[in-house]
Amino acid sequence: MIRRSTVVYITILLALAAVYYYLSNRAQPADILVTPEAVEEIEYLFTADDGVPSSILIRSKTGESVEVTRNADNAWALTQPVEAEAEQGASEAAASQLTTMRILERISEIDAEVVGLDEPAYLLTVKFNSGTERTIQIGVVTPTESGFYIRDASGGDILIVSKSAVDSLLRLLTSPPYLETPLPAVTEAGTPAAETPTP
């Protein structure tokens, strides 16, 4: 006669064998492959290969123009609409804006007339310390009003760049970065000592 304790041991052994068999032969979960999300490549209108801006000229098709240029001392000076000292902060901000203008979209096939590039509203000519010179045609604002249609004057795709970036440059036309002229000294009689020329 088999002892009761032996039966218990055999039962436990069979249970362990069943558990082992189940764990060994159950379907393994498929390896979860984590694929990194595609990182959107950022493309800029002007690249480091172009160099550092040394001259910025903006012309409108109605005839207004403004130009700031680095002089021999590497300081910004106005050369259009008149020759004058330039406010360095505003001029440097414009140069920095150029180097951060992102291309939002490339459009390979679209009628230039539809986007205002058959007769551009503005021309932006930038000279760089590398000797490179590029002229960008600026057309109309996109239907979403988030960007401007532009194109390199040398040809290529029509691009869309940020409206805010272009607007900040176009403001130079309406508010050229003149260096502020100090107020004239006042004499004891209360009249200006001398007239200070304004740009």
C-alpha atoms as a PDB file:
ATOM      1  CA  MET A   1       0.000   0.000   0.000  1.00  0.00           C
ATOM      2  CA  ILE A   2       1.337   3.448  -1.008  1.00  0.00           C
ATOM      3  CA  ARG A   3       1.768   5.867   1.813  1.00  0.00           C
ATOM      4  CA  ARG A   4      -0.305   8.996   1.810  1.00  0.00           C
ATOM      5  CA  SER A   5       2.794  11.184   1.976  1.00  0.00           C
ATOM      6  CA  THR A   6       4.139   9.514  -1.152  1.00  0.00           C
ATOM      7  CA  VAL A   7       0.915  10.300  -3.000  1.00  0.00           C
ATOM      8  CA  VAL A   8       1.202  13.950  -1.921  1.00  0.00           C
ATOM      9  CA  TYR A   9       4.817  14.119  -3.165  1.00  0.00           C
ATOM     10  CA  ILE A  10       3.884  12.538  -6.488  1.00  0.00           C
ATOM     11  CA  THR A  11       0.978  14.985  -6.886  1.00  0.00           C
ATOM     12  CA  ILE A  12       3.245  17.955  -6.148  1.00  0.00           C
ATOM     13  CA  LEU A  13       5.863  16.599  -8.573  1.00  0.00           C
ATOM     14  CA  LEU A  14       3.260  16.185 -11.339  1.00  0.00           C
ATOM     15  CA  ALA A  15       1.950  19.718 -10.673  1.00  0.00           C
ATOM     16  CA  LEU A  16       5.471  21.154 -10.912  1.00  0.00           C
ATOM     17  CA  ALA A  17       6.105  19.199 -14.124  1.00  0.00           C
ATOM     18  CA  ALA A  18       2.844  20.559 -15.602  1.00  0.00           C
ATOM     19  CA  VAL A  19       3.751  24.122 -14.660  1.00  0.00           C
ATOM     20  CA  TYR A  20       7.234  23.711 -16.149  1.00  0.00           C
ATOM     21  CA  TYR A  21       5.775  22.245 -19.362  1.00  0.00           C
ATOM     22  CA  TYR A  22       3.269  25.110 -19.630  1.00  0.00           C
ATOM     23  CA  LEU A  23       5.880  27.791 -19.075  1.00  0.00           C
ATOM     24  CA  SER A  24       8.306  26.188 -21.530  1.00  0.00           C
ATOM     25  CA  ASN A  25       5.818  25.780 -24.363  1.00  0.00           C
ATOM     26  CA  ARG A  26       3.566  28.802 -24.122  1.00  0.00           C
ATOM     27  CA  ALA A  27       3.656  31.300 -27.001  1.00  0.00           C
ATOM     28  CA  GLN A  28       6.340  33.892 -26.483  1.00  0.00           C
ATOM     29  CA  PRO A  29       5.219  37.494 -26.942  1.00  0.00           C
ATOM     30  CA  ALA A  30       6.580  39.081 -30.077  1.00  0.00           C
ATOM     31  CA  ASP A  31       9.476  41.407 -29.515  1.00  0.00           C
ATOM     32  CA  ILE A  32       8.238  44.948 -29.434  1.00  0.00           C
ATOM     33  CA  LEU A  33      10.294  46.961 -31.843  1.00  0.00           C
ATOM     34  CA  VAL A  34      10.575  50.563 -30.848  1.00  0.00           C
ATOM     35  CA  THR A  35      11.333  52.602 -33.911  1.00  0.00           C
ATOM     36  CA  PRO A  36      12.379  56.165 -33.317  1.00  0.00           C
ATOM     37  CA  GLU A  37      10.118  58.755 -34.861  1.00  0.00           C
ATOM     38  CA  ALA A  38      11.506  60.352 -37.951  1.00  0.00           C
ATOM     39  CA  VAL A  39      13.179  63.599 -36.998  1.00  0.00           C
ATOM     40  CA  GLU A  40      12.080  66.420 -39.252  1.00  0.00           C
ATOM     41  CA  GLU A  41      15.110  67.890 -40.958  1.00  0.00           C
ATOM     42  CA  ILE A  42      15.334  71.636 -40.498  1.00  0.00           C
ATOM     43  CA  GLU A  43      16.395  73.486 -43.622  1.00  0.00           C
ATOM     44  CA  TYR A  44      17.446  77.129 -43.586  1.00  0.00           C
ATOM     45  CA  LEU A  45      17.250  79.645 -46.410  1.00  0.00           C
ATOM     46  CA  PHE A  46      20.817  80.800 -45.789  1.00  0.00           C
ATOM     47  CA  THR A  47      23.378  78.288 -44.581  1.00  0.00           C
ATOM     48  CA  ALA A  48      26.705  78.439 -42.786  1.00  0.00           C
ATOM     49  CA  ASP A  49      28.349  77.845 -46.163  1.00  0.00           C
ATOM     50  CA  ASP A  50      27.127  81.281 -47.269  1.00  0.00           C
ATOM     51  CA  GLY A  51      29.051  82.949 -44.457  1.00  0.00           C
ATOM     52  CA  VAL A  52      28.186  85.894 -42.221  1.00  0.00           C
ATOM     53  CA  PRO A  53      25.979  88.665 -43.682  1.00  0.00           C
ATOM     54  CA  SER A  54      27.977  91.778 -44.533  1.00  0.00           C
ATOM     55  CA  SER A  55      25.336  93.709 -46.471  1.00  0.00           C
ATOM     56  CA  ILE A  56      21.525  93.624 -46.518  1.00  0.00           C
ATOM     57  CA  LEU A  57      19.568  95.401 -49.245  1.00  0.00           C
ATOM     58  CA  ILE A  58      15.765  95.367 -49.419  1.00  0.00           C
ATOM     59  CA  ARG A  59      13.922  96.910 -52.368  1.00  0.00           C
ATOM     60  CA  SER A  60      10.179  97.128 -52.945  1.00  0.00           C
ATOM     61  CA  LYS A  61       8.618  97.147 -56.393  1.00  0.00           C
ATOM     62  CA  THR A  62       7.195 100.586 -55.560  1.00  0.00           C
ATOM     63  CA  GLY A  63      10.718 102.014 -55.353  1.00  0.00           C
ATOM     64  CA  GLU A  64      11.595 102.149 -51.630  1.00  0.00           C
ATOM     65  CA  SER A  65      14.936 100.706 -50.592  1.00  0.00           C
ATOM     66  CA  VAL A  66      17.076 100.344 -47.496  1.00  0.00           C
ATOM     67  CA  GLU A  67      20.589  98.981 -47.179  1.00  0.00           C
ATOM     68  CA  VAL A  68      22.878  98.387 -44.241  1.00  0.00           C
ATOM     69  CA  THR A  69      26.503  97.399 -44.749  1.00  0.00           C
ATOM     70  CA  ARG A  70      29.384  96.505 -42.469  1.00  0.00           C
ATOM     71  CA  ASN A  71      32.089  99.165 -42.740  1.00  0.00           C
ATOM     72  CA  ALA A  72      35.860  98.796 -42.370  1.00  0.00           C
ATOM     73  CA  ASP A  73      35.453  98.757 -38.569  1.00  0.00           C
ATOM     74  CA  ASN A  74      32.925  95.892 -38.883  1.00  0.00           C
ATOM     75  CA  ALA A  75      30.180  98.240 -37.666  1.00  0.00           C
ATOM     76  CA  TRP A  76      26.845  98.540 -39.470  1.00  0.00           C
ATOM     77  CA  ALA A  77      26.214 101.709 -41.490  1.00  0.00           C
ATOM     78  CA  LEU A  78      23.245 102.820 -43.570  1.00  0.00           C
ATOM     79  CA  THR A  79      24.011 103.316 -47.248  1.00  0.00           C
ATOM     80  CA  GLN A  80      20.399 103.647 -48.492  1.00  0.00           C
ATOM     81  CA  PRO A  81      18.113 105.619 -48.498  1.00  0.00           C
ATOM     82  CA  VAL A  82      20.808 107.965 -47.149  1.00  0.00           C
ATOM     83  CA  GLU A  83      24.306 107.429 -45.822  1.00  0.00           C
ATOM     84  CA  ALA A  84      24.238 107.584 -42.039  1.00  0.00           C
ATOM     85  CA  GLU A  85      25.339 105.763 -38.918  1.00  0.00           C
ATOM     86  CA  ALA A  86      23.193 102.742 -38.188  1.00  0.00           C
ATOM     87  CA  GLU A  87      21.781 101.590 -34.882  1.00  0.00           C
ATOM     88  CA  GLN A  88      23.922  98.497 -34.246  1.00  0.00           C
ATOM     89  CA  GLY A  89      21.392  96.454 -32.285  1.00  0.00           C
ATOM     90  CA  ALA A  90      18.636  96.645 -34.907  1.00  0.00           C
ATOM     91  CA  SER A  91      21.082  96.003 -37.758  1.00  0.00           C
ATOM     92  CA  GLU A  92      22.638  92.999 -36.043  1.00  0.00           C
ATOM     93  CA  ALA A  93      19.163  91.655 -35.237  1.00  0.00           C
ATOM     94  CA  ALA A  94      18.310  91.799 -38.957  1.00  0.00           C
ATOM     95  CA  ALA A  95      21.522  89.939 -39.824  1.00  0.00           C
ATOM     96  CA  SER A  96      20.761  87.297 -37.198  1.00  0.00           C
ATOM     97  CA  GLN A  97      17.210  86.968 -38.519  1.00  0.00           C
ATOM     98  CA  LEU A  98      18.614  86.058 -41.929  1.00  0.00           C
ATOM     99  CA  THR A  99      20.600  83.148 -40.549  1.00  0.00           C
ATOM    100  CA  THR A 100      17.547  81.644 -38.805  1.00  0.00           C
ATOM    101  CA  MET A 101      15.028  81.849 -41.672  1.00  0.00           C
ATOM    102  CA  ARG A 102      13.616  78.321 -41.946  1.00  0.00           C
ATOM    103  CA  ILE A 103      12.204  76.841 -45.125  1.00  0.00           C
ATOM    104  CA  LEU A 104       8.749  75.601 -44.175  1.00  0.00           C
ATOM    105  CA  GLU A 105       7.917  73.981 -47.502  1.00  0.00           C
ATOM    106  CA  ARG A 106       9.249  73.435 -51.018  1.00  0.00           C
ATOM    107  CA  ILE A 107       6.863  73.675 -53.969  1.00  0.00           C
ATOM    108  CA  SER A 108       8.253  72.270 -57.186  1.00  0.00           C
ATOM    109  CA  GLU A 109       5.315  73.032 -59.460  1.00  0.00           C
ATOM    110  CA  ILE A 110       3.211  76.168 -59.106  1.00  0.00           C
ATOM    111  CA  ASP A 111       2.568  79.161 -61.319  1.00  0.00           C
ATOM    112  CA  ALA A 112       4.895  81.994 -60.273  1.00  0.00           C
ATOM    113  CA  GLU A 113       2.187  84.521 -61.157  1.00  0.00           C
ATOM    114  CA  VAL A 114      -0.230  82.930 -58.680  1.00  0.00           C
ATOM    115  CA  VAL A 115       2.210  83.414 -55.787  1.00  0.00           C
ATOM    116  CA  GLY A 116       3.354  86.901 -56.819  1.00  0.00           C
ATOM    117  CA  LEU A 117       6.794  85.915 -58.046  1.00  0.00           C
ATOM    118  CA  ASP A 118       6.368  86.957 -61.681  1.00  0.00           C
ATOM    119  CA  GLU A 119       6.706  90.540 -60.380  1.00  0.00           C
ATOM    120  CA  PRO A 120       8.027  90.163 -56.811  1.00  0.00           C
ATOM    121  CA  ALA A 121       6.781  92.620 -54.211  1.00  0.00           C
ATOM    122  CA  TYR A 122      10.278  92.767 -52.683  1.00  0.00           C
ATOM    123  CA  LEU A 123      13.840  91.818 -53.502  1.00  0.00           C
ATOM    124  CA  LEU A 124      16.222  90.889 -50.705  1.00  0.00           C
ATOM    125  CA  THR A 125      19.905  90.945 -51.653  1.00  0.00           C
ATOM    126  CA  VAL A 126      22.387  89.665 -49.093  1.00  0.00           C
ATOM    127  CA  LYS A 127      26.160  89.784 -49.433  1.00  0.00           C
ATOM    128  CA  PHE A 128      28.271  87.558 -47.191  1.00  0.00           C
ATOM    129  CA  ASN A 129      31.839  87.790 -45.934  1.00  0.00           C
ATOM    130  CA  SER A 130      32.592  84.667 -47.985  1.00  0.00           C
ATOM    131  CA  GLY A 131      32.051  86.684 -51.174  1.00  0.00           C
ATOM    132  CA  THR A 132      28.698  84.992 -51.855  1.00  0.00           C
ATOM    133  CA  GLU A 133      25.811  87.215 -52.942  1.00  0.00           C
ATOM    134  CA  ARG A 134      22.221  85.983 -53.079  1.00  0.00           C
ATOM    135  CA  THR A 135      19.059  87.727 -54.198  1.00  0.00           C
ATOM    136  CA  ILE A 136      15.728  86.419 -52.955  1.00  0.00           C
ATOM    137  CA  GLN A 137      12.412  87.304 -54.595  1.00  0.00           C
ATOM    138  CA  ILE A 138       9.548  87.754 -52.136  1.00  0.00           C
ATOM    139  CA  GLY A 139       5.996  87.208 -53.379  1.00  0.00           C
ATOM    140  CA  VAL A 140       2.637  87.182 -51.628  1.00  0.00           C
ATOM    141  CA  VAL A 141       1.549  85.798 -48.268  1.00  0.00           C
ATOM    142  CA  THR A 142       0.292  82.202 -48.236  1.00  0.00           C
ATOM    143  CA  PRO A 143      -3.481  81.562 -47.903  1.00  0.00           C
ATOM    144  CA  THR A 144      -2.952  80.523 -44.266  1.00  0.00           C
ATOM    145  CA  GLU A 145      -1.053  83.794 -43.668  1.00  0.00           C
ATOM    146  CA  SER A 146       1.747  81.855 -41.977  1.00  0.00           C
ATOM    147  CA  GLY A 147       4.408  82.417 -44.598  1.00  0.00           C
ATOM    148  CA  PHE A 148       5.609  84.175 -47.739  1.00  0.00           C
ATOM    149  CA  TYR A 149       6.238  82.582 -51.108  1.00  0.00           C
ATOM    150  CA  ILE A 150       9.844  83.212 -52.089  1.00  0.00           C
ATOM    151  CA  ARG A 151      12.333  82.097 -54.705  1.00  0.00           C
ATOM    152  CA  ASP A 152      16.038  82.494 -55.282  1.00  0.00           C
ATOM    153  CA  ALA A 153      16.531  84.868 -58.207  1.00  0.00           C
ATOM    154  CA  SER A 154      18.918  82.309 -59.731  1.00  0.00           C
ATOM    155  CA  GLY A 155      16.032  79.819 -60.019  1.00  0.00           C
ATOM    156  CA  GLY A 156      14.972  76.643 -58.258  1.00  0.00           C
ATOM    157  CA  ASP A 157      11.900  75.640 -56.302  1.00  0.00           C
ATOM    158  CA  ILE A 158       9.429  78.125 -54.908  1.00  0.00           C
ATOM    159  CA  LEU A 159       9.715  78.050 -51.118  1.00  0.00           C
ATOM    160  CA  ILE A 160       7.592  79.100 -48.184  1.00  0.00           C
ATOM    161  CA  VAL A 161       9.326  80.823 -45.266  1.00  0.00           C
ATOM    162  CA  SER A 162       7.905  82.151 -42.019  1.00  0.00           C
ATOM    163  CA  LYS A 163       5.861  85.338 -42.364  1.00  0.00           C
ATOM    164  CA  SER A 164       7.130  86.703 -39.056  1.00  0.00           C
ATOM    165  CA  ALA A 165      10.752  86.312 -40.183  1.00  0.00           C
ATOM    166  CA  VAL A 166      10.135  88.170 -43.451  1.00  0.00           C
ATOM    167  CA  ASP A 167       8.008  90.842 -41.757  1.00  0.00           C
ATOM    168  CA  SER A 168      10.823  91.663 -39.335  1.00  0.00           C
ATOM    169  CA  LEU A 169      13.149  92.309 -42.283  1.00  0.00           C
ATOM    170  CA  LEU A 170      10.588  94.300 -44.265  1.00  0.00           C
ATOM    171  CA  ARG A 171      10.158  96.618 -41.277  1.00  0.00           C
ATOM    172  CA  LEU A 172      13.591  97.985 -42.142  1.00  0.00           C
ATOM    173  CA  LEU A 173      11.937  99.671 -45.141  1.00  0.00           C
ATOM    174  CA  THR A 174       9.456 101.593 -43.023  1.00  0.00           C
ATOM    175  CA  SER A 175      11.774 102.089 -40.046  1.00  0.00           C
ATOM    176  CA  PRO A 176      15.403 102.218 -41.198  1.00  0.00           C
ATOM    177  CA  PRO A 177      17.801 101.586 -38.294  1.00  0.00           C
ATOM    178  CA  TYR A 178      19.121 105.143 -37.980  1.00  0.00           C
ATOM    179  CA  LEU A 179      21.353 105.797 -35.020  1.00  0.00           C
ATOM    180  CA  GLU A 180      19.365 108.051 -32.716  1.00  0.00           C
ATOM    181  CA  THR A 181      20.456 111.668 -33.002  1.00  0.00           C
ATOM    182  CA  PRO A 182      21.036 113.364 -29.626  1.00  0.00           C
ATOM    183  CA  LEU A 183      18.768 116.275 -28.782  1.00  0.00           C
ATOM    184  CA  PRO A 184      20.317 119.721 -29.236  1.00  0.00           C
ATOM    185  CA  ALA A 185      21.699 121.469 -26.164  1.00  0.00           C
ATOM    186  CA  VAL A 186      19.483 124.246 -24.853  1.00  0.00           C
ATOM    187  CA  THR A 187      20.977 127.652 -24.012  1.00  0.00           C
ATOM    188  CA  GLU A 188      20.042 129.686 -20.968  1.00  0.00           C
ATOM    189  CA  ALA A 189      17.618 131.652 -23.136  1.00  0.00           C
ATOM    190  CA  GLY A 190      15.749 128.408 -23.814  1.00  0.00           C
ATOM    191  CA  THR A 191      16.630 128.100 -27.509  1.00  0.00           C
ATOM    192  CA  PRO A 192      18.637 125.342 -29.132  1.00  0.00           C
ATOM    193  CA  ALA A 193      22.337 126.124 -29.253  1.00  0.00           C
ATOM    194  CA  ALA A 194      22.672 124.640 -32.730  1.00  0.00           C
ATOM    195  CA  GLU A 195      20.527 122.708 -35.131  1.00  0.00           C
ATOM    196  CA  THR A 196      21.256 118.991 -35.155  1.00  0.00           C
ATOM    197  CA  PRO A 197      20.905 117.456 -38.603  1.00  0.00           C
ATOM    198  CA  THR A 198      18.463 114.618 -38.810  1.00  0.00           C
ATOM    199  CA  PRO A 199      18.751 111.812 -41.314  1.00  0.00           C
END
